Amino acid sequence: MLGFVLWLLLLVVCWPLALLALVLYPLAWLLLLPFRLIGIGVEGVFELLRAIVMLPARVLGGGRR
């Protein structure tokens, strides 16, 4: 909601810049999408490695007593 209000303020102050932002935002989102997907994949790999490293401690019952 705050983003929309800021965009409306920009529309009142400088409407060509607001329209340019309205057109370029989806393009920027599409360009950044592969990097977000790579980030999700890398985070998943790190969580898997963390689970594998912590497995012996969890099996032996370390931490919960």
PDB file of N, CA and C in Angstrom:
ATOM      1  N   MET A   1       0.819  -1.192   0.000  1.00  0.00           N
ATOM      2  CA  MET A   1       0.000   0.000   0.000  1.00  0.00           C
ATOM      3  C   MET A   1       0.861   1.253   0.000  1.00  0.00           C
ATOM      4  N   LEU A   2       1.943   1.210   0.772  1.00  0.00           N
ATOM      5  CA  LEU A   2       2.835   2.367   0.831  1.00  0.00           C
ATOM      6  C   LEU A   2       3.492   2.624  -0.519  1.00  0.00           C
ATOM      7  N   GLY A   3       3.834   1.548  -1.213  1.00  0.00           N
ATOM      8  CA  GLY A   3       4.426   1.702  -2.543  1.00  0.00           C
ATOM      9  C   GLY A   3       3.477   2.380  -3.520  1.00  0.00           C
ATOM     10  N   PHE A   4       2.201   2.040  -3.410  1.00  0.00           N
ATOM     11  CA  PHE A   4       1.202   2.656  -4.290  1.00  0.00           C
ATOM     12  C   PHE A   4       1.037   4.136  -3.980  1.00  0.00           C
ATOM     13  N   VAL A   5       1.036   4.481  -2.712  1.00  0.00           N
ATOM     14  CA  VAL A   5       0.920   5.893  -2.320  1.00  0.00           C
ATOM     15  C   VAL A   5       2.133   6.674  -2.799  1.00  0.00           C
ATOM     16  N   LEU A   6       3.321   6.082  -2.678  1.00  0.00           N
ATOM     17  CA  LEU A   6       4.528   6.752  -3.173  1.00  0.00           C
ATOM     18  C   LEU A   6       4.481   6.919  -4.687  1.00  0.00           C
ATOM     19  N   TRP A   7       3.946   5.917  -5.378  1.00  0.00           N
ATOM     20  CA  TRP A   7       3.827   6.040  -6.829  1.00  0.00           C
ATOM     21  C   TRP A   7       2.832   7.139  -7.207  1.00  0.00           C
ATOM     22  N   LEU A   8       1.742   7.231  -6.473  1.00  0.00           N
ATOM     23  CA  LEU A   8       0.783   8.307  -6.732  1.00  0.00           C
ATOM     24  C   LEU A   8       1.401   9.679  -6.493  1.00  0.00           C
ATOM     25  N   LEU A   9       2.216   9.792  -5.453  1.00  0.00           N
ATOM     26  CA  LEU A   9       2.918  11.049  -5.189  1.00  0.00           C
ATOM     27  C   LEU A   9       3.878  11.373  -6.336  1.00  0.00           C
ATOM     28  N   LEU A  10       4.583  10.367  -6.814  1.00  0.00           N
ATOM     29  CA  LEU A  10       5.474  10.570  -7.952  1.00  0.00           C
ATOM     30  C   LEU A  10       4.678  10.940  -9.201  1.00  0.00           C
ATOM     31  N   LEU A  11       3.501  10.362  -9.364  1.00  0.00           N
ATOM     32  CA  LEU A  11       2.649  10.694 -10.503  1.00  0.00           C
ATOM     33  C   LEU A  11       2.226  12.164 -10.472  1.00  0.00           C
ATOM     34  N   VAL A  12       1.944  12.668  -9.286  1.00  0.00           N
ATOM     35  CA  VAL A  12       1.549  14.068  -9.161  1.00  0.00           C
ATOM     36  C   VAL A  12       2.737  14.986  -9.403  1.00  0.00           C
ATOM     37  N   VAL A  13       3.906  14.619  -8.860  1.00  0.00           N
ATOM     38  CA  VAL A  13       5.085  15.486  -8.947  1.00  0.00           C
ATOM     39  C   VAL A  13       5.712  15.439 -10.338  1.00  0.00           C
ATOM     40  N   CYS A  14       5.893  14.239 -10.859  1.00  0.00           N
ATOM     41  CA  CYS A  14       6.571  14.105 -12.153  1.00  0.00           C
ATOM     42  C   CYS A  14       5.964  12.914 -12.893  1.00  0.00           C
ATOM     43  N   TRP A  15       4.914  13.156 -13.649  1.00  0.00           N
ATOM     44  CA  TRP A  15       4.185  12.058 -14.259  1.00  0.00           C
ATOM     45  C   TRP A  15       4.973  11.274 -15.308  1.00  0.00           C
ATOM     46  N   PRO A  16       5.903  11.897 -16.096  1.00  0.00           N
ATOM     47  CA  PRO A  16       6.646  11.039 -17.039  1.00  0.00           C
ATOM     48  C   PRO A  16       7.533  10.013 -16.336  1.00  0.00           C
ATOM     49  N   LEU A  17       8.138  10.410 -15.231  1.00  0.00           N
ATOM     50  CA  LEU A  17       8.980   9.478 -14.475  1.00  0.00           C
ATOM     51  C   LEU A  17       8.138   8.365 -13.858  1.00  0.00           C
ATOM     52  N   ALA A  18       6.942   8.699 -13.392  1.00  0.00           N
ATOM     53  CA  ALA A  18       6.053   7.688 -12.817  1.00  0.00           C
ATOM     54  C   ALA A  18       5.623   6.674 -13.875  1.00  0.00           C
ATOM     55  N   LEU A  19       5.303   7.148 -15.064  1.00  0.00           N
ATOM     56  CA  LEU A  19       4.914   6.223 -16.137  1.00  0.00           C
ATOM     57  C   LEU A  19       6.093   5.366 -16.583  1.00  0.00           C
ATOM     58  N   LEU A  20       7.291   5.951 -16.614  1.00  0.00           N
ATOM     59  CA  LEU A  20       8.485   5.177 -16.955  1.00  0.00           C
ATOM     60  C   LEU A  20       8.744   4.092 -15.912  1.00  0.00           C
ATOM     61  N   ALA A  21       8.569   4.436 -14.652  1.00  0.00           N
ATOM     62  CA  ALA A  21       8.735   3.441 -13.585  1.00  0.00           C
ATOM     63  C   ALA A  21       7.687   2.345 -13.706  1.00  0.00           C
ATOM     64  N   LEU A  22       6.477   2.708 -14.082  1.00  0.00           N
ATOM     65  CA  LEU A  22       5.407   1.736 -14.236  1.00  0.00           C
ATOM     66  C   LEU A  22       5.707   0.751 -15.368  1.00  0.00           C
ATOM     67  N   VAL A  23       6.378   1.211 -16.405  1.00  0.00           N
ATOM     68  CA  VAL A  23       6.720   0.350 -17.537  1.00  0.00           C
ATOM     69  C   VAL A  23       7.970  -0.483 -17.243  1.00  0.00           C
ATOM     70  N   LEU A  24       8.954   0.122 -16.587  1.00  0.00           N
ATOM     71  CA  LEU A  24      10.227  -0.567 -16.376  1.00  0.00           C
ATOM     72  C   LEU A  24      10.223  -1.550 -15.206  1.00  0.00           C
ATOM     73  N   TYR A  25       9.324  -1.392 -14.252  1.00  0.00           N
ATOM     74  CA  TYR A  25       9.311  -2.292 -13.091  1.00  0.00           C
ATOM     75  C   TYR A  25       9.109  -3.760 -13.485  1.00  0.00           C
ATOM     76  N   PRO A  26       8.127  -4.095 -14.342  1.00  0.00           N
ATOM     77  CA  PRO A  26       8.000  -5.511 -14.730  1.00  0.00           C
ATOM     78  C   PRO A  26       9.216  -6.029 -15.500  1.00  0.00           C
ATOM     79  N   LEU A  27       9.837  -5.180 -16.293  1.00  0.00           N
ATOM     80  CA  LEU A  27      11.033  -5.613 -17.020  1.00  0.00           C
ATOM     81  C   LEU A  27      12.181  -5.907 -16.063  1.00  0.00           C
ATOM     82  N   ALA A  28      12.361  -5.044 -15.062  1.00  0.00           N
ATOM     83  CA  ALA A  28      13.412  -5.285 -14.066  1.00  0.00           C
ATOM     84  C   ALA A  28      13.112  -6.553 -13.273  1.00  0.00           C
ATOM     85  N   TRP A  29      11.842  -6.777 -12.962  1.00  0.00           N
ATOM     86  CA  TRP A  29      11.457  -7.982 -12.227  1.00  0.00           C
ATOM     87  C   TRP A  29      11.785  -9.229 -13.040  1.00  0.00           C
ATOM     88  N   LEU A  30      11.519  -9.189 -14.344  1.00  0.00           N
ATOM     89  CA  LEU A  30      11.825 -10.337 -15.199  1.00  0.00           C
ATOM     90  C   LEU A  30      13.327 -10.559 -15.327  1.00  0.00           C
ATOM     91  N   LEU A  31      14.102  -9.479 -15.378  1.00  0.00           N
ATOM     92  CA  LEU A  31      15.555  -9.628 -15.473  1.00  0.00           C
ATOM     93  C   LEU A  31      16.157 -10.195 -14.189  1.00  0.00           C
ATOM     94  N   LEU A  32      15.578  -9.864 -13.036  1.00  0.00           N
ATOM     95  CA  LEU A  32      16.120 -10.327 -11.760  1.00  0.00           C
ATOM     96  C   LEU A  32      15.592 -11.697 -11.341  1.00  0.00           C
ATOM     97  N   LEU A  33      14.575 -12.199 -12.020  1.00  0.00           N
ATOM     98  CA  LEU A  33      13.986 -13.479 -11.654  1.00  0.00           C
ATOM     99  C   LEU A  33      14.973 -14.650 -11.676  1.00  0.00           C
ATOM    100  N   PRO A  34      15.846 -14.788 -12.672  1.00  0.00           N
ATOM    101  CA  PRO A  34      16.801 -15.904 -12.630  1.00  0.00           C
ATOM    102  C   PRO A  34      17.735 -15.855 -11.413  1.00  0.00           C
ATOM    103  N   PHE A  35      18.119 -14.657 -10.996  1.00  0.00           N
ATOM    104  CA  PHE A  35      18.987 -14.549  -9.829  1.00  0.00           C
ATOM    105  C   PHE A  35      18.253 -14.962  -8.557  1.00  0.00           C
ATOM    106  N   ARG A  36      16.972 -14.663  -8.476  1.00  0.00           N
ATOM    107  CA  ARG A  36      16.187 -15.102  -7.320  1.00  0.00           C
ATOM    108  C   ARG A  36      16.068 -16.615  -7.306  1.00  0.00           C
ATOM    109  N   LEU A  37      15.846 -17.212  -8.473  1.00  0.00           N
ATOM    110  CA  LEU A  37      15.740 -18.675  -8.543  1.00  0.00           C
ATOM    111  C   LEU A  37      17.060 -19.342  -8.168  1.00  0.00           C
ATOM    112  N   ILE A  38      18.171 -18.777  -8.613  1.00  0.00           N
ATOM    113  CA  ILE A  38      19.490 -19.306  -8.235  1.00  0.00           C
ATOM    114  C   ILE A  38      19.683 -19.183  -6.731  1.00  0.00           C
ATOM    115  N   GLY A  39      19.260 -18.070  -6.155  1.00  0.00           N
ATOM    116  CA  GLY A  39      19.370 -17.882  -4.706  1.00  0.00           C
ATOM    117  C   GLY A  39      18.566 -18.905  -3.932  1.00  0.00           C
ATOM    118  N   ILE A  40      17.371 -19.218  -4.409  1.00  0.00           N
ATOM    119  CA  ILE A  40      16.553 -20.241  -3.748  1.00  0.00           C
ATOM    120  C   ILE A  40      17.238 -21.596  -3.830  1.00  0.00           C
ATOM    121  N   GLY A  41      17.819 -21.912  -4.981  1.00  0.00           N
ATOM    122  CA  GLY A  41      18.524 -23.190  -5.140  1.00  0.00           C
ATOM    123  C   GLY A  41      19.746 -23.290  -4.248  1.00  0.00           C
ATOM    124  N   VAL A  42      20.531 -22.221  -4.177  1.00  0.00           N
ATOM    125  CA  VAL A  42      21.726 -22.222  -3.327  1.00  0.00           C
ATOM    126  C   VAL A  42      21.342 -22.339  -1.858  1.00  0.00           C
ATOM    127  N   GLU A  43      20.286 -21.635  -1.467  1.00  0.00           N
ATOM    128  CA  GLU A  43      19.827 -21.743  -0.086  1.00  0.00           C
ATOM    129  C   GLU A  43      19.392 -23.173   0.237  1.00  0.00           C
ATOM    130  N   GLY A  44      18.734 -23.831  -0.701  1.00  0.00           N
ATOM    131  CA  GLY A  44      18.334 -25.223  -0.500  1.00  0.00           C
ATOM    132  C   GLY A  44      19.521 -26.155  -0.347  1.00  0.00           C
ATOM    133  N   VAL A  45      20.553 -25.939  -1.148  1.00  0.00           N
ATOM    134  CA  VAL A  45      21.764 -26.764  -1.051  1.00  0.00           C
ATOM    135  C   VAL A  45      22.440 -26.559   0.302  1.00  0.00           C
ATOM    136  N   PHE A  46      22.526 -25.320   0.760  1.00  0.00           N
ATOM    137  CA  PHE A  46      23.134 -25.054   2.072  1.00  0.00           C
ATOM    138  C   PHE A  46      22.328 -25.677   3.208  1.00  0.00           C
ATOM    139  N   GLU A  47      20.995 -25.632   3.110  1.00  0.00           N
ATOM    140  CA  GLU A  47      20.163 -26.270   4.134  1.00  0.00           C
ATOM    141  C   GLU A  47      20.361 -27.785   4.125  1.00  0.00           C
ATOM    142  N   LEU A  48      20.509 -28.378   2.943  1.00  0.00           N
ATOM    143  CA  LEU A  48      20.757 -29.818   2.849  1.00  0.00           C
ATOM    144  C   LEU A  48      22.099 -30.171   3.484  1.00  0.00           C
ATOM    145  N   LEU A  49      23.136 -29.395   3.171  1.00  0.00           N
ATOM    146  CA  LEU A  49      24.451 -29.646   3.765  1.00  0.00           C
ATOM    147  C   LEU A  49      24.409 -29.487   5.280  1.00  0.00           C
ATOM    148  N   ARG A  50      23.692 -28.485   5.755  1.00  0.00           N
ATOM    149  CA  ARG A  50      23.571 -28.270   7.200  1.00  0.00           C
ATOM    150  C   ARG A  50      22.866 -29.460   7.841  1.00  0.00           C
ATOM    151  N   ALA A  51      21.814 -29.976   7.197  1.00  0.00           N
ATOM    152  CA  ALA A  51      21.096 -31.122   7.742  1.00  0.00           C
ATOM    153  C   ALA A  51      21.980 -32.362   7.772  1.00  0.00           C
ATOM    154  N   ILE A  52      22.805 -32.530   6.736  1.00  0.00           N
ATOM    155  CA  ILE A  52      23.696 -33.696   6.698  1.00  0.00           C
ATOM    156  C   ILE A  52      24.758 -33.598   7.789  1.00  0.00           C
ATOM    157  N   VAL A  53      25.310 -32.409   7.997  1.00  0.00           N
ATOM    158  CA  VAL A  53      26.351 -32.233   9.013  1.00  0.00           C
ATOM    159  C   VAL A  53      25.768 -32.391  10.415  1.00  0.00           C
ATOM    160  N   MET A  54      24.544 -31.917  10.635  1.00  0.00           N
ATOM    161  CA  MET A  54      23.946 -31.968  11.965  1.00  0.00           C
ATOM    162  C   MET A  54      23.272 -33.310  12.268  1.00  0.00           C
ATOM    163  N   LEU A  55      23.170 -34.195  11.277  1.00  0.00           N
ATOM    164  CA  LEU A  55      22.473 -35.455  11.485  1.00  0.00           C
ATOM    165  C   LEU A  55      23.072 -36.311  12.607  1.00  0.00           C
ATOM    166  N   PRO A  56      24.401 -36.486  12.682  1.00  0.00           N
ATOM    167  CA  PRO A  56      24.920 -37.315  13.778  1.00  0.00           C
ATOM    168  C   PRO A  56      24.565 -36.769  15.162  1.00  0.00           C
ATOM    169  N   ALA A  57      24.602 -35.468  15.321  1.00  0.00           N
ATOM    170  CA  ALA A  57      24.251 -34.884  16.618  1.00  0.00           C
ATOM    171  C   ALA A  57      22.767 -35.100  16.927  1.00  0.00           C
ATOM    172  N   ARG A  58      21.927 -35.019  15.927  1.00  0.00           N
ATOM    173  CA  ARG A  58      20.497 -35.237  16.161  1.00  0.00           C
ATOM    174  C   ARG A  58      20.202 -36.683  16.460  1.00  0.00           C
ATOM    175  N   VAL A  59      20.937 -37.598  15.791  1.00  0.00           N
ATOM    176  CA  VAL A  59      20.711 -39.031  16.044  1.00  0.00           C
ATOM    177  C   VAL A  59      21.157 -39.402  17.449  1.00  0.00           C
ATOM    178  N   LEU A  60      22.282 -38.843  17.899  1.00  0.00           N
ATOM    179  CA  LEU A  60      22.790 -39.154  19.236  1.00  0.00           C
ATOM    180  C   LEU A  60      22.058 -38.394  20.323  1.00  0.00           C
ATOM    181  N   GLY A  61      21.164 -37.516  19.970  1.00  0.00           N
ATOM    182  CA  GLY A  61      20.334 -36.835  20.962  1.00  0.00           C
ATOM    183  C   GLY A  61      20.991 -35.626  21.582  1.00  0.00           C
ATOM    184  N   GLY A  62      21.919 -35.007  20.901  1.00  0.00           N
ATOM    185  CA  GLY A  62      22.571 -33.829  21.456  1.00  0.00           C
ATOM    186  C   GLY A  62      21.641 -32.629  21.495  1.00  0.00           C
ATOM    187  N   GLY A  63      21.569 -31.978  22.662  1.00  0.00           N
ATOM    188  CA  GLY A  63      20.787 -30.761  22.768  1.00  0.00           C
ATOM    189  C   GLY A  63      19.452 -30.948  23.469  1.00  0.00           C
ATOM    190  N   ARG A  64      18.731 -32.015  23.209  1.00  0.00           N
ATOM    191  CA  ARG A  64      17.432 -32.209  23.847  1.00  0.00           C
ATOM    192  C   ARG A  64      17.559 -33.246  24.965  1.00  0.00           C
ATOM    193  N   ARG A  65      17.275 -32.816  26.151  1.00  0.00           N
ATOM    194  CA  ARG A  65      17.323 -33.741  27.295  1.00  0.00           C
ATOM    195  C   ARG A  65      16.216 -33.449  28.239  1.00  0.00           C
TER     196      ARG A  65
END
